[in-house]
Amino acid sequence: MPDPIRLAFIGTGLIVNSDHWPAVNTLRSDFEVVALCNRTPAKAEALAERVAQETGKRPAVYADYAAMLAQERLDAVSLALPTIINPQVTEAALAAGCHVIVEKPIAASVEDGERMLGWPKKYGRVLMVAENCRYLDSYQHAARLVAEGAIGRVVTAQWVLCPYTAPDNQYALTPWRQEPAHPGGFLSDGGVHHMATLRTVLGEASSVQASVASYRPDLKPADTLVAVMNWASGALGSYQVTYAVQGPYSPLQVIGVEGMVLATNEWVELRPNGGEAQHWDEPSPYGGMRAMYADFAQAVRTGRPPRSTPEEGLADLRLIVAMLQSNESGRAVRLAR
């Protein structure tokens, strides 16, 4: 069995403590966390203590990622940073010889994301976007049902989401989210998850037309979006999301000429016309994070591209940005195939 991949986290905030580290900790034959970096050393020290208690090995702690990259013998790094600095730190880690998994959105602009596409070839290392929704079993199953023709030709799809973000939400209170440099604030921060899911199940969109509104001044610059989507398949759909208020949980609904598929993060249902419905409970371990890191480990060891490539991450961002651009122009925005 090969030695574990020597992994470092750059950024040790909320998402790393709640999601990344717990998932990585289940993959001890694949990863050993040997270093942590945070510009607020106390945050890295707290996670280092937790890692030590749970594994018996305490990672080194750094306040400067450049110093860590220079001093540690690393195979890979996981970045969980303000989106605006993703390109800068990603390239530094790749140049230091590390494979990289970087938290979504891939960058704060489509242009910055485009610059990153050539880096895996340039540096000879894996670059992967940490998009866990691409690894949720329920949506992968829904995508297979649609692709295999279980509901015939898709006519329409709709998704209404109310991921309520309370004023005291810990993520909303992070300084870089209170003054977001990434487009649309939460509309892209959370929206890329939704775009990854829609693209997984339905393929590529050909055009979008959207309207955006702000109902809560604490959720800058906007918190609500409604879009009409034309899919390359010929289907027509809608995507509605608000972070401002509490509302019902609605599954993704994909309706075809022979039935419909409904899916959430934890289950999928097939309802054929005139037939008996089939339901599958499919919760993904660690919200897809475990499968995501397992894919990263395989990519590092074999050199094959991961499922969540930079191209996929950029396509997610490009789609939500097109919606924001449509709101600004008042016109539909076409997307290149």
C-alpha atoms as a PDB file:
ATOM      1  CA  MET A   1       0.000   0.000   0.000  1.00  0.00           C
ATOM      2  CA  PRO A   2       1.410   3.434  -0.908  1.00  0.00           C
ATOM      3  CA  ASP A   3       2.257   5.925   1.809  1.00  0.00           C
ATOM      4  CA  PRO A   4      -0.485   8.442   2.677  1.00  0.00           C
ATOM      5  CA  ILE A   5      -0.455  11.703   0.742  1.00  0.00           C
ATOM      6  CA  ARG A   6       1.147  14.405   2.881  1.00  0.00           C
ATOM      7  CA  LEU A   7      -1.570  17.061   2.971  1.00  0.00           C
ATOM      8  CA  ALA A   8      -1.683  20.602   4.360  1.00  0.00           C
ATOM      9  CA  PHE A   9      -4.664  22.874   4.858  1.00  0.00           C
ATOM     10  CA  ILE A  10      -4.239  26.545   3.993  1.00  0.00           C
ATOM     11  CA  GLY A  11      -7.158  28.172   5.740  1.00  0.00           C
ATOM     12  CA  THR A  12      -8.543  26.458   8.831  1.00  0.00           C
ATOM     13  CA  GLY A  13     -11.876  28.204   9.305  1.00  0.00           C
ATOM     14  CA  LEU A  14     -15.462  27.046   9.582  1.00  0.00           C
ATOM     15  CA  ILE A  15     -15.721  24.805   6.509  1.00  0.00           C
ATOM     16  CA  VAL A  16     -12.493  22.968   7.249  1.00  0.00           C
ATOM     17  CA  ASN A  17     -13.502  22.200  10.828  1.00  0.00           C
ATOM     18  CA  SER A  18     -17.074  21.205   9.993  1.00  0.00           C
ATOM     19  CA  ASP A  19     -16.631  19.413   6.657  1.00  0.00           C
ATOM     20  CA  HIS A  20     -13.132  19.009   5.243  1.00  0.00           C
ATOM     21  CA  TRP A  21     -11.252  17.635   8.219  1.00  0.00           C
ATOM     22  CA  PRO A  22     -13.974  15.149   9.294  1.00  0.00           C
ATOM     23  CA  ALA A  23     -14.059  13.723   5.754  1.00  0.00           C
ATOM     24  CA  VAL A  24     -10.270  13.559   5.401  1.00  0.00           C
ATOM     25  CA  ASN A  25     -10.028  11.894   8.806  1.00  0.00           C
ATOM     26  CA  THR A  26     -11.958   8.901   7.422  1.00  0.00           C
ATOM     27  CA  LEU A  27      -9.343   8.444   4.677  1.00  0.00           C
ATOM     28  CA  ARG A  28      -6.241   7.825   6.764  1.00  0.00           C
ATOM     29  CA  SER A  29      -4.758   5.364   4.265  1.00  0.00           C
ATOM     30  CA  ASP A  30      -4.972   8.145   1.657  1.00  0.00           C
ATOM     31  CA  PHE A  31      -4.018  11.271   3.627  1.00  0.00           C
ATOM     32  CA  GLU A  32      -1.875  12.402   6.519  1.00  0.00           C
ATOM     33  CA  VAL A  33      -2.399  16.022   7.550  1.00  0.00           C
ATOM     34  CA  VAL A  34       1.100  17.271   8.317  1.00  0.00           C
ATOM     35  CA  ALA A  35       0.684  21.070   8.343  1.00  0.00           C
ATOM     36  CA  LEU A  36      -1.899  23.781   8.867  1.00  0.00           C
ATOM     37  CA  CYS A  37      -1.766  27.446   7.945  1.00  0.00           C
ATOM     38  CA  ASN A  38      -3.906  30.375   9.009  1.00  0.00           C
ATOM     39  CA  ARG A  39      -3.018  34.057   9.222  1.00  0.00           C
ATOM     40  CA  THR A  40      -4.663  33.872  12.662  1.00  0.00           C
ATOM     41  CA  PRO A  41      -2.413  31.230  14.247  1.00  0.00           C
ATOM     42  CA  ALA A  42      -4.858  30.501  17.081  1.00  0.00           C
ATOM     43  CA  LYS A  43      -7.310  29.050  14.562  1.00  0.00           C
ATOM     44  CA  ALA A  44      -4.667  26.732  13.146  1.00  0.00           C
ATOM     45  CA  GLU A  45      -3.511  25.776  16.639  1.00  0.00           C
ATOM     46  CA  ALA A  46      -7.059  24.804  17.621  1.00  0.00           C
ATOM     47  CA  LEU A  47      -7.395  22.516  14.618  1.00  0.00           C
ATOM     48  CA  ALA A  48      -3.905  21.114  15.193  1.00  0.00           C
ATOM     49  CA  GLU A  49      -4.944  20.130  18.702  1.00  0.00           C
ATOM     50  CA  ARG A  50      -8.063  18.443  17.372  1.00  0.00           C
ATOM     51  CA  VAL A  51      -6.080  16.527  14.736  1.00  0.00           C
ATOM     52  CA  ALA A  52      -3.602  15.435  17.410  1.00  0.00           C
ATOM     53  CA  GLN A  53      -6.370  14.191  19.676  1.00  0.00           C
ATOM     54  CA  GLU A  54      -8.080  12.258  16.887  1.00  0.00           C
ATOM     55  CA  THR A  55      -5.000  10.813  15.143  1.00  0.00           C
ATOM     56  CA  GLY A  56      -2.153  10.930  17.651  1.00  0.00           C
ATOM     57  CA  LYS A  57      -0.095  13.141  15.309  1.00  0.00           C
ATOM     58  CA  ARG A  58       0.064  16.903  15.621  1.00  0.00           C
ATOM     59  CA  PRO A  59       0.536  18.863  12.380  1.00  0.00           C
ATOM     60  CA  ALA A  60       2.919  21.802  12.196  1.00  0.00           C
ATOM     61  CA  VAL A  61       1.321  25.236  12.359  1.00  0.00           C
ATOM     62  CA  TYR A  62       2.168  28.273  10.199  1.00  0.00           C
ATOM     63  CA  ALA A  63       0.870  31.814   9.858  1.00  0.00           C
ATOM     64  CA  ASP A  64       2.466  32.293   6.407  1.00  0.00           C
ATOM     65  CA  TYR A  65       1.637  29.904   3.578  1.00  0.00           C
ATOM     66  CA  ALA A  66       4.820  30.789   1.648  1.00  0.00           C
ATOM     67  CA  ALA A  67       6.928  29.736   4.626  1.00  0.00           C
ATOM     68  CA  MET A  68       4.972  26.513   4.944  1.00  0.00           C
ATOM     69  CA  LEU A  69       5.380  25.673   1.266  1.00  0.00           C
ATOM     70  CA  ALA A  70       9.115  26.336   1.503  1.00  0.00           C
ATOM     71  CA  GLN A  71       9.755  24.387   4.704  1.00  0.00           C
ATOM     72  CA  GLU A  72       7.390  21.414   4.631  1.00  0.00           C
ATOM     73  CA  ARG A  73       7.690  18.302   2.469  1.00  0.00           C
ATOM     74  CA  LEU A  74       4.167  18.306   1.048  1.00  0.00           C
ATOM     75  CA  ASP A  75       2.411  16.284  -1.623  1.00  0.00           C
ATOM     76  CA  ALA A  76      -0.825  18.264  -1.693  1.00  0.00           C
ATOM     77  CA  VAL A  77      -2.639  21.222  -0.195  1.00  0.00           C
ATOM     78  CA  SER A  78      -6.303  21.975   0.389  1.00  0.00           C
ATOM     79  CA  LEU A  79      -7.249  25.649   0.153  1.00  0.00           C
ATOM     80  CA  ALA A  80     -10.212  27.138   2.022  1.00  0.00           C
ATOM     81  CA  LEU A  81      -9.668  30.873   1.637  1.00  0.00           C
ATOM     82  CA  PRO A  82     -11.471  34.058   0.630  1.00  0.00           C
ATOM     83  CA  THR A  83     -12.372  33.482  -3.013  1.00  0.00           C
ATOM     84  CA  ILE A  84     -10.494  36.543  -4.242  1.00  0.00           C
ATOM     85  CA  ILE A  85      -7.106  35.025  -3.350  1.00  0.00           C
ATOM     86  CA  ASN A  86      -7.739  31.524  -4.727  1.00  0.00           C
ATOM     87  CA  PRO A  87      -5.673  32.065  -7.920  1.00  0.00           C
ATOM     88  CA  GLN A  88      -2.704  33.587  -6.075  1.00  0.00           C
ATOM     89  CA  VAL A  89      -2.359  30.825  -3.478  1.00  0.00           C
ATOM     90  CA  THR A  90      -3.263  28.037  -5.901  1.00  0.00           C
ATOM     91  CA  GLU A  91      -0.451  28.981  -8.270  1.00  0.00           C
ATOM     92  CA  ALA A  92       2.042  29.339  -5.414  1.00  0.00           C
ATOM     93  CA  ALA A  93       1.207  25.831  -4.204  1.00  0.00           C
ATOM     94  CA  LEU A  94       1.383  24.328  -7.699  1.00  0.00           C
ATOM     95  CA  ALA A  95       4.721  26.052  -8.312  1.00  0.00           C
ATOM     96  CA  ALA A  96       5.997  24.543  -5.055  1.00  0.00           C
ATOM     97  CA  GLY A  97       5.251  21.084  -6.465  1.00  0.00           C
ATOM     98  CA  CYS A  98       1.957  20.437  -4.662  1.00  0.00           C
ATOM     99  CA  HIS A  99      -1.270  19.022  -5.989  1.00  0.00           C
ATOM    100  CA  VAL A 100      -4.147  21.362  -5.090  1.00  0.00           C
ATOM    101  CA  ILE A 101      -7.809  21.096  -4.170  1.00  0.00           C
ATOM    102  CA  VAL A 102      -9.337  24.575  -3.899  1.00  0.00           C
ATOM    103  CA  GLU A 103     -12.669  25.550  -2.377  1.00  0.00           C
ATOM    104  CA  LYS A 104     -15.380  26.751  -4.729  1.00  0.00           C
ATOM    105  CA  PRO A 105     -16.007  29.171  -6.371  1.00  0.00           C
ATOM    106  CA  ILE A 106     -12.820  28.589  -8.340  1.00  0.00           C
ATOM    107  CA  ALA A 107     -12.182  32.353  -8.509  1.00  0.00           C
ATOM    108  CA  ALA A 108     -13.859  35.704  -7.971  1.00  0.00           C
ATOM    109  CA  SER A 109     -14.220  36.295 -11.714  1.00  0.00           C
ATOM    110  CA  VAL A 110     -14.570  34.247 -14.869  1.00  0.00           C
ATOM    111  CA  GLU A 111     -11.387  35.858 -16.197  1.00  0.00           C
ATOM    112  CA  ASP A 112      -9.345  34.724 -13.180  1.00  0.00           C
ATOM    113  CA  GLY A 113     -10.835  31.252 -13.488  1.00  0.00           C
ATOM    114  CA  GLU A 114      -9.846  31.079 -17.138  1.00  0.00           C
ATOM    115  CA  ARG A 115      -6.237  31.839 -16.208  1.00  0.00           C
ATOM    116  CA  MET A 116      -6.209  28.782 -13.966  1.00  0.00           C
ATOM    117  CA  LEU A 117      -7.256  26.271 -16.625  1.00  0.00           C
ATOM    118  CA  GLY A 118      -3.796  25.752 -18.039  1.00  0.00           C
ATOM    119  CA  TRP A 119      -2.026  25.365 -14.697  1.00  0.00           C
ATOM    120  CA  PRO A 120      -2.352  21.554 -14.307  1.00  0.00           C
ATOM    121  CA  LYS A 121      -0.443  21.078 -17.571  1.00  0.00           C
ATOM    122  CA  LYS A 122       2.007  23.917 -16.864  1.00  0.00           C
ATOM    123  CA  TYR A 123       2.992  22.604 -13.441  1.00  0.00           C
ATOM    124  CA  GLY A 124       2.353  18.905 -13.979  1.00  0.00           C
ATOM    125  CA  ARG A 125       0.096  18.652 -10.953  1.00  0.00           C
ATOM    126  CA  VAL A 126      -3.570  17.937 -10.215  1.00  0.00           C
ATOM    127  CA  LEU A 127      -5.800  20.965  -9.720  1.00  0.00           C
ATOM    128  CA  MET A 128      -9.290  20.192  -8.475  1.00  0.00           C
ATOM    129  CA  VAL A 129     -12.227  22.317  -7.343  1.00  0.00           C
ATOM    130  CA  ALA A 130     -13.796  21.287  -4.021  1.00  0.00           C
ATOM    131  CA  GLU A 131     -17.387  21.017  -5.232  1.00  0.00           C
ATOM    132  CA  ASN A 132     -19.012  18.368  -3.053  1.00  0.00           C
ATOM    133  CA  CYS A 133     -22.406  18.533  -4.822  1.00  0.00           C
ATOM    134  CA  ARG A 134     -20.759  16.859  -7.804  1.00  0.00           C
ATOM    135  CA  TYR A 135     -20.228  13.823  -5.550  1.00  0.00           C
ATOM    136  CA  LEU A 136     -23.695  13.457  -4.014  1.00  0.00           C
ATOM    137  CA  ASP A 137     -25.043   9.986  -4.814  1.00  0.00           C
ATOM    138  CA  SER A 138     -28.641  11.163  -5.184  1.00  0.00           C
ATOM    139  CA  TYR A 139     -27.865  13.668  -7.934  1.00  0.00           C
ATOM    140  CA  GLN A 140     -25.565  11.236  -9.717  1.00  0.00           C
ATOM    141  CA  HIS A 141     -28.432   8.726  -9.677  1.00  0.00           C
ATOM    142  CA  ALA A 142     -30.873  11.335 -10.965  1.00  0.00           C
ATOM    143  CA  ALA A 143     -28.449  12.161 -13.781  1.00  0.00           C
ATOM    144  CA  ARG A 144     -28.258   8.481 -14.775  1.00  0.00           C
ATOM    145  CA  LEU A 145     -32.055   8.142 -14.815  1.00  0.00           C
ATOM    146  CA  VAL A 146     -32.358  11.179 -17.079  1.00  0.00           C
ATOM    147  CA  ALA A 147     -29.509  10.072 -19.361  1.00  0.00           C
ATOM    148  CA  GLU A 148     -30.896   6.544 -19.675  1.00  0.00           C
ATOM    149  CA  GLY A 149     -34.282   7.856 -20.797  1.00  0.00           C
ATOM    150  CA  ALA A 150     -36.277   6.797 -17.748  1.00  0.00           C
ATOM    151  CA  ILE A 151     -38.588   9.806 -18.239  1.00  0.00           C
ATOM    152  CA  GLY A 152     -38.166  10.172 -21.988  1.00  0.00           C
ATOM    153  CA  ARG A 153     -37.265  13.513 -23.487  1.00  0.00           C
ATOM    154  CA  VAL A 154     -36.929  16.198 -20.817  1.00  0.00           C
ATOM    155  CA  VAL A 155     -39.423  19.016 -21.317  1.00  0.00           C
ATOM    156  CA  THR A 156     -38.925  21.182 -18.241  1.00  0.00           C
ATOM    157  CA  ALA A 157     -37.141  21.362 -14.897  1.00  0.00           C
ATOM    158  CA  GLN A 158     -37.606  23.556 -11.880  1.00  0.00           C
ATOM    159  CA  TRP A 159     -35.847  24.114  -8.585  1.00  0.00           C
ATOM    160  CA  VAL A 160     -36.948  26.441  -5.785  1.00  0.00           C
ATOM    161  CA  LEU A 161     -34.441  26.860  -2.951  1.00  0.00           C
ATOM    162  CA  CYS A 162     -34.664  28.764   0.340  1.00  0.00           C
ATOM    163  CA  PRO A 163     -31.299  28.247   2.078  1.00  0.00           C
ATOM    164  CA  TYR A 164     -32.149  30.755   4.793  1.00  0.00           C
ATOM    165  CA  THR A 165     -29.119  32.636   6.088  1.00  0.00           C
ATOM    166  CA  ALA A 166     -29.862  34.156   9.484  1.00  0.00           C
ATOM    167  CA  PRO A 167     -28.240  37.469  10.476  1.00  0.00           C
ATOM    168  CA  ASP A 168     -26.095  35.612  13.036  1.00  0.00           C
ATOM    169  CA  ASN A 169     -25.052  32.866  10.610  1.00  0.00           C
ATOM    170  CA  GLN A 170     -21.332  32.200  11.159  1.00  0.00           C
ATOM    171  CA  TYR A 171     -20.555  32.040   7.460  1.00  0.00           C
ATOM    172  CA  ALA A 172     -22.398  35.293   6.739  1.00  0.00           C
ATOM    173  CA  LEU A 173     -20.409  37.013   9.486  1.00  0.00           C
ATOM    174  CA  THR A 174     -17.002  36.241   7.975  1.00  0.00           C
ATOM    175  CA  PRO A 175     -15.490  39.601   6.912  1.00  0.00           C
ATOM    176  CA  TRP A 176     -14.833  38.603   3.307  1.00  0.00           C
ATOM    177  CA  ARG A 177     -18.477  37.594   2.879  1.00  0.00           C
ATOM    178  CA  GLN A 178     -19.742  40.800   4.461  1.00  0.00           C
ATOM    179  CA  GLU A 179     -17.833  42.770   1.823  1.00  0.00           C
ATOM    180  CA  PRO A 180     -17.746  40.236  -1.019  1.00  0.00           C
ATOM    181  CA  ALA A 181     -15.340  40.516  -3.909  1.00  0.00           C
ATOM    182  CA  HIS A 182     -16.961  37.546  -5.639  1.00  0.00           C
ATOM    183  CA  PRO A 183     -19.934  38.361  -7.909  1.00  0.00           C
ATOM    184  CA  GLY A 184     -23.343  38.428  -6.273  1.00  0.00           C
ATOM    185  CA  GLY A 185     -22.082  37.489  -2.805  1.00  0.00           C
ATOM    186  CA  PHE A 186     -24.044  34.472  -1.605  1.00  0.00           C
ATOM    187  CA  LEU A 187     -25.699  34.232  -5.021  1.00  0.00           C
ATOM    188  CA  SER A 188     -22.433  32.891  -6.444  1.00  0.00           C
ATOM    189  CA  ASP A 189     -20.909  31.541  -3.227  1.00  0.00           C
ATOM    190  CA  GLY A 190     -23.834  29.158  -2.746  1.00  0.00           C
ATOM    191  CA  GLY A 191     -25.017  29.355  -6.327  1.00  0.00           C
ATOM    192  CA  VAL A 192     -22.108  27.404  -7.771  1.00  0.00           C
ATOM    193  CA  HIS A 193     -23.308  24.411  -5.722  1.00  0.00           C
ATOM    194  CA  HIS A 194     -26.681  24.688  -7.430  1.00  0.00           C
ATOM    195  CA  MET A 195     -25.139  25.168 -10.882  1.00  0.00           C
ATOM    196  CA  ALA A 196     -22.967  22.072 -10.387  1.00  0.00           C
ATOM    197  CA  THR A 197     -26.071  20.070  -9.499  1.00  0.00           C
ATOM    198  CA  LEU A 198     -28.135  21.389 -12.408  1.00  0.00           C
ATOM    199  CA  ARG A 199     -25.323  20.743 -14.877  1.00  0.00           C
ATOM    200  CA  THR A 200     -24.778  17.233 -13.471  1.00  0.00           C
ATOM    201  CA  VAL A 201     -28.424  16.291 -13.979  1.00  0.00           C
ATOM    202  CA  LEU A 202     -29.413  18.333 -17.045  1.00  0.00           C
ATOM    203  CA  GLY A 203     -26.217  19.071 -18.962  1.00  0.00           C
ATOM    204  CA  GLU A 204     -25.314  22.486 -20.307  1.00  0.00           C
ATOM    205  CA  ALA A 205     -27.529  25.558 -20.507  1.00  0.00           C
ATOM    206  CA  SER A 206     -27.699  27.486 -23.778  1.00  0.00           C
ATOM    207  CA  SER A 207     -29.120  30.745 -22.392  1.00  0.00           C
ATOM    208  CA  VAL A 208     -30.444  32.324 -19.207  1.00  0.00           C
ATOM    209  CA  GLN A 209     -32.558  35.322 -18.315  1.00  0.00           C
ATOM    210  CA  ALA A 210     -32.684  36.407 -14.684  1.00  0.00           C
ATOM    211  CA  SER A 211     -33.780  39.016 -12.193  1.00  0.00           C
ATOM    212  CA  VAL A 212     -32.039  39.734  -8.889  1.00  0.00           C
ATOM    213  CA  ALA A 213     -33.282  41.506  -5.759  1.00  0.00           C
ATOM    214  CA  SER A 214     -32.024  42.536  -2.316  1.00  0.00           C
ATOM    215  CA  TYR A 215     -34.324  42.233   0.692  1.00  0.00           C
ATOM    216  CA  ARG A 216     -31.731  42.131   3.478  1.00  0.00           C
ATOM    217  CA  PRO A 217     -28.932  44.747   3.662  1.00  0.00           C
ATOM    218  CA  ASP A 218     -26.755  42.327   5.649  1.00  0.00           C
ATOM    219  CA  LEU A 219     -26.595  39.984   2.628  1.00  0.00           C
ATOM    220  CA  LYS A 220     -24.650  42.099   0.162  1.00  0.00           C
ATOM    221  CA  PRO A 221     -25.038  42.817  -2.683  1.00  0.00           C
ATOM    222  CA  ALA A 222     -28.209  40.746  -3.260  1.00  0.00           C
ATOM    223  CA  ASP A 223     -29.969  37.758  -1.769  1.00  0.00           C
ATOM    224  CA  THR A 224     -32.657  36.588  -4.200  1.00  0.00           C
ATOM    225  CA  LEU A 225     -32.494  35.423  -7.817  1.00  0.00           C
ATOM    226  CA  VAL A 226     -35.049  34.027 -10.259  1.00  0.00           C
ATOM    227  CA  ALA A 227     -33.888  32.681 -13.628  1.00  0.00           C
ATOM    228  CA  VAL A 228     -35.429  31.127 -16.707  1.00  0.00           C
ATOM    229  CA  MET A 229     -33.024  28.625 -18.236  1.00  0.00           C
ATOM    230  CA  ASN A 230     -32.874  27.189 -21.737  1.00  0.00           C
ATOM    231  CA  TRP A 231     -30.957  23.931 -21.864  1.00  0.00           C
ATOM    232  CA  ALA A 232     -28.923  22.713 -24.827  1.00  0.00           C
ATOM    233  CA  SER A 233     -31.159  19.623 -24.885  1.00  0.00           C
ATOM    234  CA  GLY A 234     -34.130  21.828 -25.760  1.00  0.00           C
ATOM    235  CA  ALA A 235     -35.667  21.706 -22.295  1.00  0.00           C
ATOM    236  CA  LEU A 236     -36.891  24.846 -20.570  1.00  0.00           C
ATOM    237  CA  GLY A 237     -36.506  25.356 -16.827  1.00  0.00           C
ATOM    238  CA  SER A 238     -36.420  27.703 -13.884  1.00  0.00           C
ATOM    239  CA  TYR A 239     -34.110  28.245 -10.922  1.00  0.00           C
ATOM    240  CA  GLN A 240     -35.232  30.298  -7.930  1.00  0.00           C
ATOM    241  CA  VAL A 241     -33.209  30.944  -4.798  1.00  0.00           C
ATOM    242  CA  THR A 242     -33.463  33.253  -1.809  1.00  0.00           C
ATOM    243  CA  TYR A 243     -31.172  33.454   1.187  1.00  0.00           C
ATOM    244  CA  ALA A 244     -33.287  36.178   2.790  1.00  0.00           C
ATOM    245  CA  VAL A 245     -36.283  34.320   4.226  1.00  0.00           C
ATOM    246  CA  GLN A 246     -37.321  30.908   5.444  1.00  0.00           C
ATOM    247  CA  GLY A 247     -39.312  28.792   3.034  1.00  0.00           C
ATOM    248  CA  PRO A 248     -40.227  25.235   2.042  1.00  0.00           C
ATOM    249  CA  TYR A 249     -37.634  22.707   0.930  1.00  0.00           C
ATOM    250  CA  SER A 250     -38.262  21.842  -2.699  1.00  0.00           C
ATOM    251  CA  PRO A 251     -36.610  18.963  -4.553  1.00  0.00           C
ATOM    252  CA  LEU A 252     -35.169  19.436  -8.010  1.00  0.00           C
ATOM    253  CA  GLN A 253     -37.959  18.387 -10.396  1.00  0.00           C
ATOM    254  CA  VAL A 254     -37.124  17.146 -13.892  1.00  0.00           C
ATOM    255  CA  ILE A 255     -40.205  16.447 -16.007  1.00  0.00           C
ATOM    256  CA  GLY A 256     -40.175  14.477 -19.237  1.00  0.00           C
ATOM    257  CA  VAL A 257     -42.728  13.122 -21.685  1.00  0.00           C
ATOM    258  CA  GLU A 258     -42.779   9.757 -19.876  1.00  0.00           C
ATOM    259  CA  GLY A 259     -42.574  10.809 -16.227  1.00  0.00           C
ATOM    260  CA  MET A 260     -40.553  12.804 -13.745  1.00  0.00           C
ATOM    261  CA  VAL A 261     -37.473  12.565 -11.521  1.00  0.00           C
ATOM    262  CA  LEU A 262     -37.307  14.335  -8.164  1.00  0.00           C
ATOM    263  CA  ALA A 263     -34.046  14.639  -6.225  1.00  0.00           C
ATOM    264  CA  THR A 264     -32.630  16.163  -3.055  1.00  0.00           C
ATOM    265  CA  ASN A 265     -29.252  15.872  -1.355  1.00  0.00           C
ATOM    266  CA  GLU A 266     -30.422  12.644   0.287  1.00  0.00           C
ATOM    267  CA  TRP A 267     -32.962  10.905  -1.943  1.00  0.00           C
ATOM    268  CA  VAL A 268     -34.156  10.453  -5.509  1.00  0.00           C
ATOM    269  CA  GLU A 269     -37.551   9.397  -6.828  1.00  0.00           C
ATOM    270  CA  LEU A 270     -38.724   8.202 -10.228  1.00  0.00           C
ATOM    271  CA  ARG A 271     -42.405   8.721 -11.072  1.00  0.00           C
ATOM    272  CA  PRO A 272     -43.168   7.192 -14.477  1.00  0.00           C
ATOM    273  CA  ASN A 273     -46.436   8.128 -16.168  1.00  0.00           C
ATOM    274  CA  GLY A 274     -48.970   5.442 -15.344  1.00  0.00           C
ATOM    275  CA  GLY A 275     -46.422   3.399 -13.407  1.00  0.00           C
ATOM    276  CA  GLU A 276     -45.414   2.805  -9.821  1.00  0.00           C
ATOM    277  CA  ALA A 277     -43.089   5.347  -8.242  1.00  0.00           C
ATOM    278  CA  GLN A 278     -39.654   4.213  -7.086  1.00  0.00           C
ATOM    279  CA  HIS A 279     -37.863   5.896  -4.199  1.00  0.00           C
ATOM    280  CA  TRP A 280     -34.232   5.554  -3.150  1.00  0.00           C
ATOM    281  CA  ASP A 281     -32.777   6.954   0.064  1.00  0.00           C
ATOM    282  CA  GLU A 282     -29.213   7.898  -0.861  1.00  0.00           C
ATOM    283  CA  PRO A 283     -27.525  10.079   1.747  1.00  0.00           C
ATOM    284  CA  SER A 284     -23.865  10.616   0.879  1.00  0.00           C
ATOM    285  CA  PRO A 285     -21.262  10.162   3.640  1.00  0.00           C
ATOM    286  CA  TYR A 286     -20.023  13.536   4.850  1.00  0.00           C
ATOM    287  CA  GLY A 287     -22.178  15.382   2.329  1.00  0.00           C
ATOM    288  CA  GLY A 288     -20.130  14.140  -0.613  1.00  0.00           C
ATOM    289  CA  MET A 289     -16.875  15.392   0.928  1.00  0.00           C
ATOM    290  CA  ARG A 290     -15.525  11.896   1.578  1.00  0.00           C
ATOM    291  CA  ALA A 291     -16.074  10.825  -2.041  1.00  0.00           C
ATOM    292  CA  MET A 292     -14.599  14.143  -3.208  1.00  0.00           C
ATOM    293  CA  TYR A 293     -11.360  13.620  -1.285  1.00  0.00           C
ATOM    294  CA  ALA A 294     -11.182   9.973  -2.357  1.00  0.00           C
ATOM    295  CA  ASP A 295     -11.364  11.195  -5.968  1.00  0.00           C
ATOM    296  CA  PHE A 296      -8.617  13.731  -5.254  1.00  0.00           C
ATOM    297  CA  ALA A 297      -6.399  10.978  -3.828  1.00  0.00           C
ATOM    298  CA  GLN A 298      -6.974   8.817  -6.912  1.00  0.00           C
ATOM    299  CA  ALA A 299      -6.163  11.711  -9.228  1.00  0.00           C
ATOM    300  CA  VAL A 300      -2.955  12.470  -7.320  1.00  0.00           C
ATOM    301  CA  ARG A 301      -1.843   8.820  -7.429  1.00  0.00           C
ATOM    302  CA  THR A 302      -2.853   7.956 -10.978  1.00  0.00           C
ATOM    303  CA  GLY A 303      -2.617  11.283 -12.814  1.00  0.00           C
ATOM    304  CA  ARG A 304      -6.114  10.940 -14.233  1.00  0.00           C
ATOM    305  CA  PRO A 305      -8.345  14.033 -14.109  1.00  0.00           C
ATOM    306  CA  PRO A 306     -10.721  14.251 -11.143  1.00  0.00           C
ATOM    307  CA  ARG A 307     -14.462  14.576 -11.643  1.00  0.00           C
ATOM    308  CA  SER A 308     -14.423  18.188 -10.433  1.00  0.00           C
ATOM    309  CA  THR A 309     -11.869  19.697 -12.799  1.00  0.00           C
ATOM    310  CA  PRO A 310     -11.070  23.417 -13.091  1.00  0.00           C
ATOM    311  CA  GLU A 311     -13.111  23.398 -16.298  1.00  0.00           C
ATOM    312  CA  GLU A 312     -16.158  22.119 -14.408  1.00  0.00           C
ATOM    313  CA  GLY A 313     -15.675  24.631 -11.602  1.00  0.00           C
ATOM    314  CA  LEU A 314     -15.362  27.469 -14.107  1.00  0.00           C
ATOM    315  CA  ALA A 315     -18.489  26.334 -15.972  1.00  0.00           C
ATOM    316  CA  ASP A 316     -20.427  26.454 -12.680  1.00  0.00           C
ATOM    317  CA  LEU A 317     -19.208  30.001 -12.049  1.00  0.00           C
ATOM    318  CA  ARG A 318     -19.780  31.087 -15.643  1.00  0.00           C
ATOM    319  CA  LEU A 319     -23.431  29.997 -15.459  1.00  0.00           C
ATOM    320  CA  ILE A 320     -24.275  31.899 -12.284  1.00  0.00           C
ATOM    321  CA  VAL A 321     -22.358  34.965 -13.542  1.00  0.00           C
ATOM    322  CA  ALA A 322     -24.412  34.844 -16.750  1.00  0.00           C
ATOM    323  CA  MET A 323     -27.543  35.128 -14.597  1.00  0.00           C
ATOM    324  CA  LEU A 324     -26.130  38.159 -12.790  1.00  0.00           C
ATOM    325  CA  GLN A 325     -25.178  39.733 -16.127  1.00  0.00           C
ATOM    326  CA  SER A 326     -28.680  39.130 -17.445  1.00  0.00           C
ATOM    327  CA  ASN A 327     -30.116  40.995 -14.482  1.00  0.00           C
ATOM    328  CA  GLU A 328     -27.798  43.945 -15.152  1.00  0.00           C
ATOM    329  CA  SER A 329     -28.580  44.133 -18.869  1.00  0.00           C
ATOM    330  CA  GLY A 330     -32.250  43.189 -18.703  1.00  0.00           C
ATOM    331  CA  ARG A 331     -31.660  40.731 -21.527  1.00  0.00           C
ATOM    332  CA  ALA A 332     -31.057  37.022 -21.986  1.00  0.00           C
ATOM    333  CA  VAL A 333     -27.432  35.919 -21.971  1.00  0.00           C
ATOM    334  CA  ARG A 334     -26.296  33.157 -24.298  1.00  0.00           C
ATOM    335  CA  LEU A 335     -23.653  30.689 -23.214  1.00  0.00           C
ATOM    336  CA  ALA A 336     -21.090  29.182 -25.533  1.00  0.00           C
ATOM    337  CA  ARG A 337     -21.315  25.445 -25.951  1.00  0.00           C
END
